[in-house]
């Protein structure tokens, strides 16, 4: 997602957190920015859903799910 609001629409504490992440990692990963923006409206529920899908009970191991999601993202030409 390359919405300008994801660069400027954060509260002051979030802006500081994003600045620290950018300094340490070189850039804020788009999923982090997306789930941090309007966290009370979108981020908490979406993060819980992703966590359940990636870490919940499954026939696949956590590693297999991570590789599968990375593969699908690559096929979709998704940056993350």
C-alpha atoms as a PDB file:
ATOM      1  CA  UNK A   1       0.000   0.000   0.000  1.00  0.00           C
ATOM      2  CA  UNK A   2       1.436   3.331  -0.950  1.00  0.00           C
ATOM      3  CA  UNK A   3      -1.174   5.664   0.438  1.00  0.00           C
ATOM      4  CA  UNK A   4       0.297   8.948   1.614  1.00  0.00           C
ATOM      5  CA  UNK A   5      -1.934   8.772   4.692  1.00  0.00           C
ATOM      6  CA  UNK A   6       0.099   5.765   5.868  1.00  0.00           C
ATOM      7  CA  UNK A   7       3.123   8.058   6.076  1.00  0.00           C
ATOM      8  CA  UNK A   8       1.447  11.028   7.726  1.00  0.00           C
ATOM      9  CA  UNK A   9      -1.788   9.864   9.412  1.00  0.00           C
ATOM     10  CA  UNK A  10      -0.322   8.554  12.655  1.00  0.00           C
ATOM     11  CA  UNK A  11      -0.672   9.910  16.161  1.00  0.00           C
ATOM     12  CA  UNK A  12       2.491  11.422  17.709  1.00  0.00           C
ATOM     13  CA  UNK A  13       3.541   8.237  19.564  1.00  0.00           C
ATOM     14  CA  UNK A  14       2.952   6.123  16.465  1.00  0.00           C
ATOM     15  CA  UNK A  15       4.948   8.612  14.406  1.00  0.00           C
ATOM     16  CA  UNK A  16       7.849   8.199  16.838  1.00  0.00           C
ATOM     17  CA  UNK A  17       7.570   4.402  16.647  1.00  0.00           C
ATOM     18  CA  UNK A  18       7.554   4.518  12.842  1.00  0.00           C
ATOM     19  CA  UNK A  19      10.598   6.798  12.867  1.00  0.00           C
ATOM     20  CA  UNK A  20      12.488   4.392  15.148  1.00  0.00           C
ATOM     21  CA  UNK A  21      11.553   1.391  13.000  1.00  0.00           C
ATOM     22  CA  UNK A  22      12.616   3.228   9.848  1.00  0.00           C
ATOM     23  CA  UNK A  23      15.965   4.152  11.413  1.00  0.00           C
ATOM     24  CA  UNK A  24      16.651   0.623  12.642  1.00  0.00           C
ATOM     25  CA  UNK A  25      15.307  -1.345   9.686  1.00  0.00           C
ATOM     26  CA  UNK A  26      15.857   1.131   6.844  1.00  0.00           C
ATOM     27  CA  UNK A  27      12.116   1.390   6.141  1.00  0.00           C
ATOM     28  CA  UNK A  28       8.820   0.634   7.837  1.00  0.00           C
ATOM     29  CA  UNK A  29       7.436  -2.610   6.398  1.00  0.00           C
ATOM     30  CA  UNK A  30       4.092  -1.897   4.669  1.00  0.00           C
ATOM     31  CA  UNK A  31       2.151  -4.454   6.792  1.00  0.00           C
ATOM     32  CA  UNK A  32       3.346  -2.709   9.964  1.00  0.00           C
ATOM     33  CA  UNK A  33       2.273   0.679   8.643  1.00  0.00           C
ATOM     34  CA  UNK A  34      -1.088  -0.669   7.492  1.00  0.00           C
ATOM     35  CA  UNK A  35      -1.908  -2.404  10.781  1.00  0.00           C
ATOM     36  CA  UNK A  36      -0.736   0.594  12.809  1.00  0.00           C
ATOM     37  CA  UNK A  37      -2.927   3.129  11.035  1.00  0.00           C
ATOM     38  CA  UNK A  38      -6.285   3.512  12.810  1.00  0.00           C
ATOM     39  CA  UNK A  39      -5.401   0.506  14.955  1.00  0.00           C
ATOM     40  CA  UNK A  40      -8.620   0.691  16.981  1.00  0.00           C
ATOM     41  CA  UNK A  41     -10.697   0.473  13.769  1.00  0.00           C
ATOM     42  CA  UNK A  42      -8.731  -2.009  11.677  1.00  0.00           C
ATOM     43  CA  UNK A  43      -5.381  -3.028  13.075  1.00  0.00           C
ATOM     44  CA  UNK A  44      -6.291  -4.981  16.211  1.00  0.00           C
ATOM     45  CA  UNK A  45      -8.878  -7.226  14.561  1.00  0.00           C
ATOM     46  CA  UNK A  46      -6.796  -7.781  11.436  1.00  0.00           C
ATOM     47  CA  UNK A  47      -3.665  -8.539  13.471  1.00  0.00           C
ATOM     48  CA  UNK A  48      -5.646 -11.069  15.555  1.00  0.00           C
ATOM     49  CA  UNK A  49      -6.968 -12.718  12.385  1.00  0.00           C
ATOM     50  CA  UNK A  50      -3.488 -12.947  10.838  1.00  0.00           C
ATOM     51  CA  UNK A  51      -2.046 -14.286  14.085  1.00  0.00           C
ATOM     52  CA  UNK A  52      -4.733 -16.972  14.290  1.00  0.00           C
ATOM     53  CA  UNK A  53      -4.146 -17.983  10.669  1.00  0.00           C
ATOM     54  CA  UNK A  54      -0.367 -18.056  10.914  1.00  0.00           C
ATOM     55  CA  UNK A  55       0.091 -19.384  14.452  1.00  0.00           C
ATOM     56  CA  UNK A  56      -3.139 -21.185  15.296  1.00  0.00           C
ATOM     57  CA  UNK A  57      -3.814 -24.902  15.204  1.00  0.00           C
ATOM     58  CA  UNK A  58      -3.179 -26.365  11.752  1.00  0.00           C
ATOM     59  CA  UNK A  59      -1.929 -29.444   9.942  1.00  0.00           C
ATOM     60  CA  UNK A  60       0.853 -27.206   8.547  1.00  0.00           C
ATOM     61  CA  UNK A  61       3.775 -26.056  10.648  1.00  0.00           C
ATOM     62  CA  UNK A  62       4.379 -22.340  11.246  1.00  0.00           C
ATOM     63  CA  UNK A  63       7.337 -22.478   8.869  1.00  0.00           C
ATOM     64  CA  UNK A  64       5.258 -24.090   6.123  1.00  0.00           C
ATOM     65  CA  UNK A  65       2.612 -21.387   6.458  1.00  0.00           C
ATOM     66  CA  UNK A  66       5.262 -18.645   6.303  1.00  0.00           C
ATOM     67  CA  UNK A  67       6.828 -20.144   3.175  1.00  0.00           C
ATOM     68  CA  UNK A  68       3.419 -20.602   1.565  1.00  0.00           C
ATOM     69  CA  UNK A  69       2.434 -16.982   2.259  1.00  0.00           C
ATOM     70  CA  UNK A  70       5.784 -15.715   0.934  1.00  0.00           C
ATOM     71  CA  UNK A  71       5.358 -17.824  -2.212  1.00  0.00           C
ATOM     72  CA  UNK A  72       1.834 -16.531  -2.848  1.00  0.00           C
ATOM     73  CA  UNK A  73       2.977 -12.952  -2.223  1.00  0.00           C
ATOM     74  CA  UNK A  74       5.765 -13.440  -4.741  1.00  0.00           C
ATOM     75  CA  UNK A  75       3.324 -14.824  -7.330  1.00  0.00           C
ATOM     76  CA  UNK A  76       1.077 -11.810  -6.742  1.00  0.00           C
ATOM     77  CA  UNK A  77       4.112  -9.508  -7.021  1.00  0.00           C
ATOM     78  CA  UNK A  78       3.344  -8.191  -3.569  1.00  0.00           C
ATOM     79  CA  UNK A  79       6.151  -6.203  -1.936  1.00  0.00           C
ATOM     80  CA  UNK A  80       5.449  -7.841   1.390  1.00  0.00           C
END
